[in-house]
Amino acid sequence: ELEQLAPEIFRVFGRQNPLLTAGDRNGLNTMTIGWCQ
């Protein structure tokens, strides 16, 4: 459930930049992001 992640979200952002990924089974790309809300 999404609510289980709420405390983790504030711990992680700013320390572990996430990977943003888009695409599907036919092709995708990922990039590191510093901005996320």
Full PDB file with SEQRES, HELIX, SHEET, SSBOND, CRYST1, ORIGX, SCALE, CONECT and MASTER records, all heavy atoms in Angstrom:
SEQRES   1 A   37  GLU LEU GLU GLN LEU ALA PRO GLU ILE PHE ARG VAL PHE          
SEQRES   2 A   37  GLY ARG GLN ASN PRO LEU LEU THR ALA GLY ASP ARG ASN          
SEQRES   3 A   37  GLY LEU ASN THR MET THR ILE GLY TRP CYS GLN                  
HELIX    1 AA1 LEU A    2  LEU A    5  5                                   4    
HELIX    2 AA2 ALA A    6  VAL A   12  1                                   7    
SHEET    1 AA1 2 LEU A  19  ASP A  24  0                                        
SHEET    2 AA1 2 GLY A  27  THR A  32 -1                                        
CRYST1    1.000    1.000    1.000  90.00  90.00  90.00 P 1           1          
ORIGX1      1.000000  0.000000  0.000000        0.00000                         
ORIGX2      0.000000  1.000000  0.000000        0.00000                         
ORIGX3      0.000000  0.000000  1.000000        0.00000                         
SCALE1      1.000000  0.000000  0.000000        0.00000                         
SCALE2      0.000000  1.000000  0.000000        0.00000                         
SCALE3      0.000000  0.000000  1.000000        0.00000                         
ATOM      1  N   GLU A   1       0.861  -1.181   0.000  1.00  0.00           N  
ATOM      2  CA  GLU A   1       0.000   0.000   0.000  1.00  0.00           C  
ATOM      3  C   GLU A   1       0.896   1.229   0.000  1.00  0.00           C  
ATOM      4  O   GLU A   1       1.899   1.277   0.717  1.00  0.00           O  
ATOM      5  CB  GLU A   1      -0.910   0.001   1.225  1.00  0.00           C  
ATOM      6  CG  GLU A   1      -1.931  -1.122   1.233  1.00  0.00           C  
ATOM      7  CD  GLU A   1      -2.873  -1.056   0.041  1.00  0.00           C  
ATOM      8  OE1 GLU A   1      -3.330   0.056  -0.313  1.00  0.00           O  
ATOM      9  OE2 GLU A   1      -3.146  -2.116  -0.547  1.00  0.00           O  
ATOM     10  N   LEU A   2       0.561   2.230  -0.778  1.00  0.00           N  
ATOM     11  CA  LEU A   2       1.382   3.424  -0.927  1.00  0.00           C  
ATOM     12  C   LEU A   2       1.681   4.081   0.417  1.00  0.00           C  
ATOM     13  O   LEU A   2       2.788   4.566   0.650  1.00  0.00           O  
ATOM     14  CB  LEU A   2       0.703   4.421  -1.864  1.00  0.00           C  
ATOM     15  CG  LEU A   2       1.458   5.710  -2.126  1.00  0.00           C  
ATOM     16  CD1 LEU A   2       2.815   5.417  -2.759  1.00  0.00           C  
ATOM     17  CD2 LEU A   2       0.653   6.623  -3.005  1.00  0.00           C  
ATOM     18  N   GLU A   3       0.722   4.116   1.330  1.00  0.00           N  
ATOM     19  CA  GLU A   3       0.907   4.782   2.616  1.00  0.00           C  
ATOM     20  C   GLU A   3       2.074   4.186   3.412  1.00  0.00           C  
ATOM     21  O   GLU A   3       2.662   4.849   4.248  1.00  0.00           O  
ATOM     22  CB  GLU A   3      -0.374   4.721   3.442  1.00  0.00           C  
ATOM     23  CG  GLU A   3      -1.472   5.622   2.915  1.00  0.00           C  
ATOM     24  CD  GLU A   3      -2.180   5.076   1.669  1.00  0.00           C  
ATOM     25  OE1 GLU A   3      -2.098   3.859   1.385  1.00  0.00           O  
ATOM     26  OE2 GLU A   3      -2.805   5.878   0.962  1.00  0.00           O  
ATOM     27  N   GLN A   4       2.420   2.926   3.167  1.00  0.00           N  
ATOM     28  CA  GLN A   4       3.548   2.315   3.857  1.00  0.00           C  
ATOM     29  C   GLN A   4       4.875   2.973   3.493  1.00  0.00           C  
ATOM     30  O   GLN A   4       5.826   2.905   4.237  1.00  0.00           O  
ATOM     31  CB  GLN A   4       3.635   0.820   3.541  1.00  0.00           C  
ATOM     32  CG  GLN A   4       2.558  -0.004   4.199  1.00  0.00           C  
ATOM     33  CD  GLN A   4       2.739  -1.467   3.882  1.00  0.00           C  
ATOM     34  OE1 GLN A   4       2.824  -1.857   2.716  1.00  0.00           O  
ATOM     35  NE2 GLN A   4       2.813  -2.275   4.912  1.00  0.00           N  
ATOM     36  N   LEU A   5       4.945   3.600   2.330  1.00  0.00           N  
ATOM     37  CA  LEU A   5       6.189   4.205   1.872  1.00  0.00           C  
ATOM     38  C   LEU A   5       6.383   5.636   2.358  1.00  0.00           C  
ATOM     39  O   LEU A   5       7.467   6.178   2.249  1.00  0.00           O  
ATOM     40  CB  LEU A   5       6.239   4.213   0.340  1.00  0.00           C  
ATOM     41  CG  LEU A   5       6.367   2.854  -0.331  1.00  0.00           C  
ATOM     42  CD1 LEU A   5       6.375   3.028  -1.842  1.00  0.00           C  
ATOM     43  CD2 LEU A   5       7.616   2.142   0.121  1.00  0.00           C  
ATOM     44  N   ALA A   6       5.356   6.274   2.886  1.00  0.00           N  
ATOM     45  CA  ALA A   6       5.429   7.700   3.216  1.00  0.00           C  
ATOM     46  C   ALA A   6       6.669   8.084   4.026  1.00  0.00           C  
ATOM     47  O   ALA A   6       7.380   9.009   3.652  1.00  0.00           O  
ATOM     48  CB  ALA A   6       4.151   8.156   3.919  1.00  0.00           C  
ATOM     49  N   PRO A   7       7.003   7.428   5.138  1.00  0.00           N  
ATOM     50  CA  PRO A   7       8.207   7.831   5.870  1.00  0.00           C  
ATOM     51  C   PRO A   7       9.484   7.612   5.061  1.00  0.00           C  
ATOM     52  O   PRO A   7      10.429   8.385   5.153  1.00  0.00           O  
ATOM     53  CB  PRO A   7       8.198   6.943   7.112  1.00  0.00           C  
ATOM     54  CG  PRO A   7       6.810   6.442   7.227  1.00  0.00           C  
ATOM     55  CD  PRO A   7       6.254   6.405   5.838  1.00  0.00           C  
ATOM     56  N   GLU A   8       9.513   6.576   4.251  1.00  0.00           N  
ATOM     57  CA  GLU A   8      10.676   6.277   3.427  1.00  0.00           C  
ATOM     58  C   GLU A   8      10.941   7.376   2.402  1.00  0.00           C  
ATOM     59  O   GLU A   8      12.074   7.698   2.100  1.00  0.00           O  
ATOM     60  CB  GLU A   8      10.488   4.940   2.696  1.00  0.00           C  
ATOM     61  CG  GLU A   8      10.520   3.750   3.605  1.00  0.00           C  
ATOM     62  CD  GLU A   8      11.875   3.580   4.246  1.00  0.00           C  
ATOM     63  OE1 GLU A   8      12.893   3.551   3.541  1.00  0.00           O  
ATOM     64  OE2 GLU A   8      11.909   3.483   5.481  1.00  0.00           O  
ATOM     65  N   ILE A   9       9.879   7.937   1.875  1.00  0.00           N  
ATOM     66  CA  ILE A   9      10.002   8.961   0.845  1.00  0.00           C  
ATOM     67  C   ILE A   9      10.858  10.123   1.335  1.00  0.00           C  
ATOM     68  O   ILE A   9      11.771  10.575   0.655  1.00  0.00           O  
ATOM     69  CB  ILE A   9       8.605   9.432   0.398  1.00  0.00           C  
ATOM     70  CG1 ILE A   9       7.931   8.319  -0.410  1.00  0.00           C  
ATOM     71  CG2 ILE A   9       8.689  10.725  -0.386  1.00  0.00           C  
ATOM     72  CD1 ILE A   9       6.461   8.519  -0.638  1.00  0.00           C  
ATOM     73  N   PHE A  10      10.592  10.593   2.533  1.00  0.00           N  
ATOM     74  CA  PHE A  10      11.326  11.743   3.047  1.00  0.00           C  
ATOM     75  C   PHE A  10      12.760  11.389   3.427  1.00  0.00           C  
ATOM     76  O   PHE A  10      13.646  12.213   3.357  1.00  0.00           O  
ATOM     77  CB  PHE A  10      10.569  12.364   4.223  1.00  0.00           C  
ATOM     78  CG  PHE A  10       9.270  12.952   3.792  1.00  0.00           C  
ATOM     79  CD1 PHE A  10       8.082  12.353   4.130  1.00  0.00           C  
ATOM     80  CD2 PHE A  10       9.235  14.093   2.984  1.00  0.00           C  
ATOM     81  CE1 PHE A  10       6.876  12.882   3.704  1.00  0.00           C  
ATOM     82  CE2 PHE A  10       8.037  14.625   2.557  1.00  0.00           C  
ATOM     83  CZ  PHE A  10       6.850  14.015   2.919  1.00  0.00           C  
ATOM     84  N   ARG A  11      13.005  10.148   3.792  1.00  0.00           N  
ATOM     85  CA  ARG A  11      14.358   9.702   4.107  1.00  0.00           C  
ATOM     86  C   ARG A  11      15.201   9.610   2.832  1.00  0.00           C  
ATOM     87  O   ARG A  11      16.376   9.965   2.812  1.00  0.00           O  
ATOM     88  CB  ARG A  11      14.317   8.334   4.794  1.00  0.00           C  
ATOM     89  CG  ARG A  11      15.705   7.758   5.086  1.00  0.00           C  
ATOM     90  CD  ARG A  11      15.645   6.340   5.640  1.00  0.00           C  
ATOM     91  NE  ARG A  11      15.113   5.374   4.698  1.00  0.00           N  
ATOM     92  CZ  ARG A  11      15.814   4.828   3.700  1.00  0.00           C  
ATOM     93  NH1 ARG A  11      17.058   5.176   3.481  1.00  0.00           N  
ATOM     94  NH2 ARG A  11      15.249   3.939   2.908  1.00  0.00           N  
ATOM     95  N   VAL A  12      14.593   9.177   1.763  1.00  0.00           N  
ATOM     96  CA  VAL A  12      15.321   8.852   0.543  1.00  0.00           C  
ATOM     97  C   VAL A  12      15.648  10.070  -0.321  1.00  0.00           C  
ATOM     98  O   VAL A  12      16.788  10.243  -0.747  1.00  0.00           O  
ATOM     99  CB  VAL A  12      14.521   7.815  -0.273  1.00  0.00           C  
ATOM    100  CG1 VAL A  12      15.060   7.681  -1.677  1.00  0.00           C  
ATOM    101  CG2 VAL A  12      14.546   6.476   0.432  1.00  0.00           C  
ATOM    102  N   PHE A  13      14.665  10.903  -0.605  1.00  0.00           N  
ATOM    103  CA  PHE A  13      14.914  11.995  -1.541  1.00  0.00           C  
ATOM    104  C   PHE A  13      15.952  12.951  -0.984  1.00  0.00           C  
ATOM    105  O   PHE A  13      15.905  13.358   0.156  1.00  0.00           O  
ATOM    106  CB  PHE A  13      13.628  12.717  -1.917  1.00  0.00           C  
ATOM    107  CG  PHE A  13      12.771  11.881  -2.822  1.00  0.00           C  
ATOM    108  CD1 PHE A  13      11.536  11.433  -2.411  1.00  0.00           C  
ATOM    109  CD2 PHE A  13      13.217  11.520  -4.079  1.00  0.00           C  
ATOM    110  CE1 PHE A  13      10.764  10.640  -3.239  1.00  0.00           C  
ATOM    111  CE2 PHE A  13      12.457  10.735  -4.908  1.00  0.00           C  
ATOM    112  CZ  PHE A  13      11.213  10.295  -4.485  1.00  0.00           C  
ATOM    113  N   GLY A  14      16.910  13.283  -1.823  1.00  0.00           N  
ATOM    114  CA  GLY A  14      18.033  14.109  -1.409  1.00  0.00           C  
ATOM    115  C   GLY A  14      19.252  13.283  -1.037  1.00  0.00           C  
ATOM    116  O   GLY A  14      20.355  13.796  -0.983  1.00  0.00           O  
ATOM    117  N   ARG A  15      19.050  11.996  -0.772  1.00  0.00           N  
ATOM    118  CA  ARG A  15      20.163  11.104  -0.422  1.00  0.00           C  
ATOM    119  C   ARG A  15      20.394  10.023  -1.480  1.00  0.00           C  
ATOM    120  O   ARG A  15      21.515   9.628  -1.725  1.00  0.00           O  
ATOM    121  CB  ARG A  15      19.885  10.442   0.928  1.00  0.00           C  
ATOM    122  CG  ARG A  15      19.881  11.418   2.075  1.00  0.00           C  
ATOM    123  CD  ARG A  15      19.820  10.671   3.408  1.00  0.00           C  
ATOM    124  NE  ARG A  15      19.682  11.625   4.488  1.00  0.00           N  
ATOM    125  CZ  ARG A  15      18.566  11.820   5.167  1.00  0.00           C  
ATOM    126  NH1 ARG A  15      17.495  11.116   4.896  1.00  0.00           N  
ATOM    127  NH2 ARG A  15      18.520  12.702   6.136  1.00  0.00           N  
ATOM    128  N   GLN A  16      19.301   9.515  -2.024  1.00  0.00           N  
ATOM    129  CA  GLN A  16      19.372   8.457  -3.032  1.00  0.00           C  
ATOM    130  C   GLN A  16      18.537   8.907  -4.224  1.00  0.00           C  
ATOM    131  O   GLN A  16      17.344   8.678  -4.262  1.00  0.00           O  
ATOM    132  CB  GLN A  16      18.789   7.151  -2.471  1.00  0.00           C  
ATOM    133  CG  GLN A  16      19.557   6.553  -1.318  1.00  0.00           C  
ATOM    134  CD  GLN A  16      18.724   5.498  -0.613  1.00  0.00           C  
ATOM    135  OE1 GLN A  16      18.317   5.713   0.514  1.00  0.00           O  
ATOM    136  NE2 GLN A  16      18.466   4.380  -1.252  1.00  0.00           N  
ATOM    137  N   ASN A  17      19.180   9.544  -5.178  1.00  0.00           N  
ATOM    138  CA  ASN A  17      18.424  10.012  -6.337  1.00  0.00           C  
ATOM    139  C   ASN A  17      17.823   8.823  -7.078  1.00  0.00           C  
ATOM    140  O   ASN A  17      18.516   7.862  -7.388  1.00  0.00           O  
ATOM    141  CB  ASN A  17      19.307  10.826  -7.268  1.00  0.00           C  
ATOM    142  CG  ASN A  17      19.653  12.168  -6.681  1.00  0.00           C  
ATOM    143  OD1 ASN A  17      18.999  12.637  -5.761  1.00  0.00           O  
ATOM    144  ND2 ASN A  17      20.683  12.786  -7.210  1.00  0.00           N  
ATOM    145  N   PRO A  18      16.514   8.893  -7.361  1.00  0.00           N  
ATOM    146  CA  PRO A  18      15.856   7.761  -8.012  1.00  0.00           C  
ATOM    147  C   PRO A  18      16.112   7.716  -9.515  1.00  0.00           C  
ATOM    148  O   PRO A  18      16.598   8.671 -10.117  1.00  0.00           O  
ATOM    149  CB  PRO A  18      14.373   8.019  -7.723  1.00  0.00           C  
ATOM    150  CG  PRO A  18      14.264   9.468  -7.462  1.00  0.00           C  
ATOM    151  CD  PRO A  18      15.587   9.936  -6.947  1.00  0.00           C  
ATOM    152  N   LEU A  19      15.737   6.586 -10.095  1.00  0.00           N  
ATOM    153  CA  LEU A  19      15.769   6.409 -11.537  1.00  0.00           C  
ATOM    154  C   LEU A  19      14.354   6.586 -12.073  1.00  0.00           C  
ATOM    155  O   LEU A  19      13.417   5.930 -11.605  1.00  0.00           O  
ATOM    156  CB  LEU A  19      16.281   5.019 -11.913  1.00  0.00           C  
ATOM    157  CG  LEU A  19      17.713   4.693 -11.523  1.00  0.00           C  
ATOM    158  CD1 LEU A  19      18.057   3.254 -11.914  1.00  0.00           C  
ATOM    159  CD2 LEU A  19      18.688   5.670 -12.153  1.00  0.00           C  
ATOM    160  N   LEU A  20      14.203   7.489 -13.024  1.00  0.00           N  
ATOM    161  CA  LEU A  20      12.950   7.672 -13.745  1.00  0.00           C  
ATOM    162  C   LEU A  20      13.046   6.816 -14.999  1.00  0.00           C  
ATOM    163  O   LEU A  20      14.033   6.911 -15.743  1.00  0.00           O  
ATOM    164  CB  LEU A  20      12.765   9.139 -14.125  1.00  0.00           C  
ATOM    165  CG  LEU A  20      11.645   9.448 -15.114  1.00  0.00           C  
ATOM    166  CD1 LEU A  20      10.280   9.119 -14.526  1.00  0.00           C  
ATOM    167  CD2 LEU A  20      11.721  10.899 -15.559  1.00  0.00           C  
ATOM    168  N   THR A  21      12.031   5.988 -15.230  1.00  0.00           N  
ATOM    169  CA  THR A  21      12.060   5.088 -16.372  1.00  0.00           C  
ATOM    170  C   THR A  21      10.736   5.170 -17.113  1.00  0.00           C  
ATOM    171  O   THR A  21       9.674   5.227 -16.492  1.00  0.00           O  
ATOM    172  CB  THR A  21      12.305   3.635 -15.911  1.00  0.00           C  
ATOM    173  OG1 THR A  21      13.454   3.612 -15.058  1.00  0.00           O  
ATOM    174  CG2 THR A  21      12.533   2.709 -17.088  1.00  0.00           C  
ATOM    175  N   ALA A  22      10.821   5.189 -18.427  1.00  0.00           N  
ATOM    176  CA  ALA A  22       9.618   5.182 -19.269  1.00  0.00           C  
ATOM    177  C   ALA A  22       9.876   4.273 -20.454  1.00  0.00           C  
ATOM    178  O   ALA A  22      11.015   4.077 -20.871  1.00  0.00           O  
ATOM    179  CB  ALA A  22       9.273   6.596 -19.733  1.00  0.00           C  
ATOM    180  N   GLY A  23       8.807   3.737 -20.977  1.00  0.00           N  
ATOM    181  CA  GLY A  23       8.892   2.818 -22.104  1.00  0.00           C  
ATOM    182  C   GLY A  23       7.977   1.639 -21.868  1.00  0.00           C  
ATOM    183  O   GLY A  23       7.014   1.713 -21.110  1.00  0.00           O  
ATOM    184  N   ASP A  24       8.329   0.520 -22.505  1.00  0.00           N  
ATOM    185  CA  ASP A  24       7.551  -0.708 -22.362  1.00  0.00           C  
ATOM    186  C   ASP A  24       8.451  -1.878 -22.748  1.00  0.00           C  
ATOM    187  O   ASP A  24       9.677  -1.725 -22.816  1.00  0.00           O  
ATOM    188  CB  ASP A  24       6.272  -0.658 -23.207  1.00  0.00           C  
ATOM    189  CG  ASP A  24       6.532  -0.394 -24.679  1.00  0.00           C  
ATOM    190  OD1 ASP A  24       7.625  -0.737 -25.188  1.00  0.00           O  
ATOM    191  OD2 ASP A  24       5.641   0.166 -25.339  1.00  0.00           O  
ATOM    192  N   ARG A  25       7.849  -3.028 -23.025  1.00  0.00           N  
ATOM    193  CA  ARG A  25       8.625  -4.235 -23.347  1.00  0.00           C  
ATOM    194  C   ARG A  25       9.383  -4.100 -24.666  1.00  0.00           C  
ATOM    195  O   ARG A  25      10.318  -4.849 -24.922  1.00  0.00           O  
ATOM    196  CB  ARG A  25       7.714  -5.454 -23.381  1.00  0.00           C  
ATOM    197  CG  ARG A  25       7.149  -5.783 -22.020  1.00  0.00           C  
ATOM    198  CD  ARG A  25       6.126  -6.909 -22.074  1.00  0.00           C  
ATOM    199  NE  ARG A  25       5.385  -7.001 -20.835  1.00  0.00           N  
ATOM    200  CZ  ARG A  25       5.755  -7.729 -19.785  1.00  0.00           C  
ATOM    201  NH1 ARG A  25       6.860  -8.440 -19.838  1.00  0.00           N  
ATOM    202  NH2 ARG A  25       5.017  -7.755 -18.699  1.00  0.00           N  
ATOM    203  N   ASN A  26       8.998  -3.145 -25.502  1.00  0.00           N  
ATOM    204  CA  ASN A  26       9.662  -2.948 -26.792  1.00  0.00           C  
ATOM    205  C   ASN A  26      10.838  -1.993 -26.734  1.00  0.00           C  
ATOM    206  O   ASN A  26      11.606  -1.901 -27.680  1.00  0.00           O  
ATOM    207  CB  ASN A  26       8.649  -2.452 -27.825  1.00  0.00           C  
ATOM    208  CG  ASN A  26       7.578  -3.486 -28.090  1.00  0.00           C  
ATOM    209  OD1 ASN A  26       7.869  -4.663 -28.228  1.00  0.00           O  
ATOM    210  ND2 ASN A  26       6.336  -3.038 -28.128  1.00  0.00           N  
ATOM    211  N   GLY A  27      10.971  -1.256 -25.659  1.00  0.00           N  
ATOM    212  CA  GLY A  27      12.063  -0.304 -25.521  1.00  0.00           C  
ATOM    213  C   GLY A  27      11.816   0.616 -24.346  1.00  0.00           C  
ATOM    214  O   GLY A  27      10.672   0.924 -24.010  1.00  0.00           O  
ATOM    215  N   LEU A  28      12.910   1.040 -23.713  1.00  0.00           N  
ATOM    216  CA  LEU A  28      12.788   1.893 -22.544  1.00  0.00           C  
ATOM    217  C   LEU A  28      14.049   2.715 -22.386  1.00  0.00           C  
ATOM    218  O   LEU A  28      15.068   2.447 -23.015  1.00  0.00           O  
ATOM    219  CB  LEU A  28      12.543   1.056 -21.279  1.00  0.00           C  
ATOM    220  CG  LEU A  28      13.651   0.076 -20.866  1.00  0.00           C  
ATOM    221  CD1 LEU A  28      14.605   0.702 -19.864  1.00  0.00           C  
ATOM    222  CD2 LEU A  28      13.034  -1.167 -20.260  1.00  0.00           C  
ATOM    223  N   ASN A  29      13.957   3.711 -21.545  1.00  0.00           N  
ATOM    224  CA  ASN A  29      15.143   4.442 -21.116  1.00  0.00           C  
ATOM    225  C   ASN A  29      14.954   4.839 -19.670  1.00  0.00           C  
ATOM    226  O   ASN A  29      13.840   5.010 -19.191  1.00  0.00           O  
ATOM    227  CB  ASN A  29      15.422   5.666 -21.978  1.00  0.00           C  
ATOM    228  CG  ASN A  29      16.841   6.170 -21.751  1.00  0.00           C  
ATOM    229  OD1 ASN A  29      17.802   5.431 -21.963  1.00  0.00           O  
ATOM    230  ND2 ASN A  29      16.981   7.389 -21.300  1.00  0.00           N  
ATOM    231  N   THR A  30      16.075   4.949 -18.989  1.00  0.00           N  
ATOM    232  CA  THR A  30      16.074   5.366 -17.595  1.00  0.00           C  
ATOM    233  C   THR A  30      17.069   6.490 -17.423  1.00  0.00           C  
ATOM    234  O   THR A  30      18.048   6.581 -18.170  1.00  0.00           O  
ATOM    235  CB  THR A  30      16.382   4.179 -16.654  1.00  0.00           C  
ATOM    236  OG1 THR A  30      16.113   4.570 -15.310  1.00  0.00           O  
ATOM    237  CG2 THR A  30      17.830   3.717 -16.777  1.00  0.00           C  
ATOM    238  N   MET A  31      16.804   7.350 -16.453  1.00  0.00           N  
ATOM    239  CA  MET A  31      17.714   8.443 -16.135  1.00  0.00           C  
ATOM    240  C   MET A  31      17.617   8.739 -14.643  1.00  0.00           C  
ATOM    241  O   MET A  31      16.580   8.509 -14.019  1.00  0.00           O  
ATOM    242  CB  MET A  31      17.389   9.693 -16.947  1.00  0.00           C  
ATOM    243  CG  MET A  31      16.034  10.295 -16.650  1.00  0.00           C  
ATOM    244  SD  MET A  31      15.664  11.771 -17.626  1.00  0.00           S  
ATOM    245  CE  MET A  31      16.246  13.038 -16.529  1.00  0.00           C  
ATOM    246  N   THR A  32      18.688   9.224 -14.081  1.00  0.00           N  
ATOM    247  CA  THR A  32      18.689   9.643 -12.695  1.00  0.00           C  
ATOM    248  C   THR A  32      18.034  11.013 -12.604  1.00  0.00           C  
ATOM    249  O   THR A  32      18.274  11.879 -13.438  1.00  0.00           O  
ATOM    250  CB  THR A  32      20.138   9.716 -12.168  1.00  0.00           C  
ATOM    251  OG1 THR A  32      20.736   8.421 -12.342  1.00  0.00           O  
ATOM    252  CG2 THR A  32      20.183  10.107 -10.702  1.00  0.00           C  
ATOM    253  N   ILE A  33      17.190  11.178 -11.592  1.00  0.00           N  
ATOM    254  CA  ILE A  33      16.528  12.469 -11.400  1.00  0.00           C  
ATOM    255  C   ILE A  33      16.836  13.022 -10.007  1.00  0.00           C  
ATOM    256  O   ILE A  33      17.006  12.272  -9.052  1.00  0.00           O  
ATOM    257  CB  ILE A  33      14.998  12.392 -11.607  1.00  0.00           C  
ATOM    258  CG1 ILE A  33      14.349  11.344 -10.688  1.00  0.00           C  
ATOM    259  CG2 ILE A  33      14.678  12.119 -13.064  1.00  0.00           C  
ATOM    260  CD1 ILE A  33      12.836  11.353 -10.709  1.00  0.00           C  
ATOM    261  N   GLY A  34      16.926  14.325  -9.942  1.00  0.00           N  
ATOM    262  CA  GLY A  34      17.119  14.999  -8.671  1.00  0.00           C  
ATOM    263  C   GLY A  34      15.861  15.706  -8.217  1.00  0.00           C  
ATOM    264  O   GLY A  34      15.732  16.084  -7.063  1.00  0.00           O  
ATOM    265  N   TRP A  35      14.941  15.906  -9.129  1.00  0.00           N  
ATOM    266  CA  TRP A  35      13.686  16.588  -8.823  1.00  0.00           C  
ATOM    267  C   TRP A  35      12.550  15.577  -8.870  1.00  0.00           C  
ATOM    268  O   TRP A  35      12.331  14.911  -9.885  1.00  0.00           O  
ATOM    269  CB  TRP A  35      13.376  17.653  -9.850  1.00  0.00           C  
ATOM    270  CG  TRP A  35      14.334  18.799  -9.926  1.00  0.00           C  
ATOM    271  CD1 TRP A  35      15.492  18.960  -9.224  1.00  0.00           C  
ATOM    272  CD2 TRP A  35      14.209  19.930 -10.770  1.00  0.00           C  
ATOM    273  NE1 TRP A  35      16.097  20.139  -9.589  1.00  0.00           N  
ATOM    274  CE2 TRP A  35      15.325  20.757 -10.533  1.00  0.00           C  
ATOM    275  CE3 TRP A  35      13.272  20.333 -11.702  1.00  0.00           C  
ATOM    276  CZ2 TRP A  35      15.516  21.956 -11.199  1.00  0.00           C  
ATOM    277  CZ3 TRP A  35      13.457  21.526 -12.367  1.00  0.00           C  
ATOM    278  CH2 TRP A  35      14.563  22.332 -12.104  1.00  0.00           C  
ATOM    279  N   CYS A  36      11.825  15.470  -7.786  1.00  0.00           N  
ATOM    280  CA  CYS A  36      10.675  14.579  -7.711  1.00  0.00           C  
ATOM    281  C   CYS A  36       9.811  15.046  -6.555  1.00  0.00           C  
ATOM    282  O   CYS A  36      10.335  15.429  -5.504  1.00  0.00           O  
ATOM    283  CB  CYS A  36      11.139  13.140  -7.493  1.00  0.00           C  
ATOM    284  SG  CYS A  36       9.808  11.932  -7.543  1.00  0.00           S  
ATOM    285  N   GLN A  37       8.513  15.038  -6.755  1.00  0.00           N  
ATOM    286  CA  GLN A  37       7.584  15.424  -5.699  1.00  0.00           C  
ATOM    287  C   GLN A  37       6.516  14.352  -5.555  1.00  0.00           C  
ATOM    288  O   GLN A  37       6.069  13.781  -6.549  1.00  0.00           O  
ATOM    289  CB  GLN A  37       6.912  16.757  -6.030  1.00  0.00           C  
ATOM    290  CG  GLN A  37       7.892  17.900  -6.152  1.00  0.00           C  
ATOM    291  CD  GLN A  37       7.229  19.164  -6.664  1.00  0.00           C  
ATOM    292  OE1 GLN A  37       6.248  19.121  -7.399  1.00  0.00           O  
ATOM    293  NE2 GLN A  37       7.771  20.304  -6.276  1.00  0.00           N  
TER     294      GLN A  37                                                      
MASTER        0    0    0    2    2    0    0    6  293    1    0    3          
END                                                                             
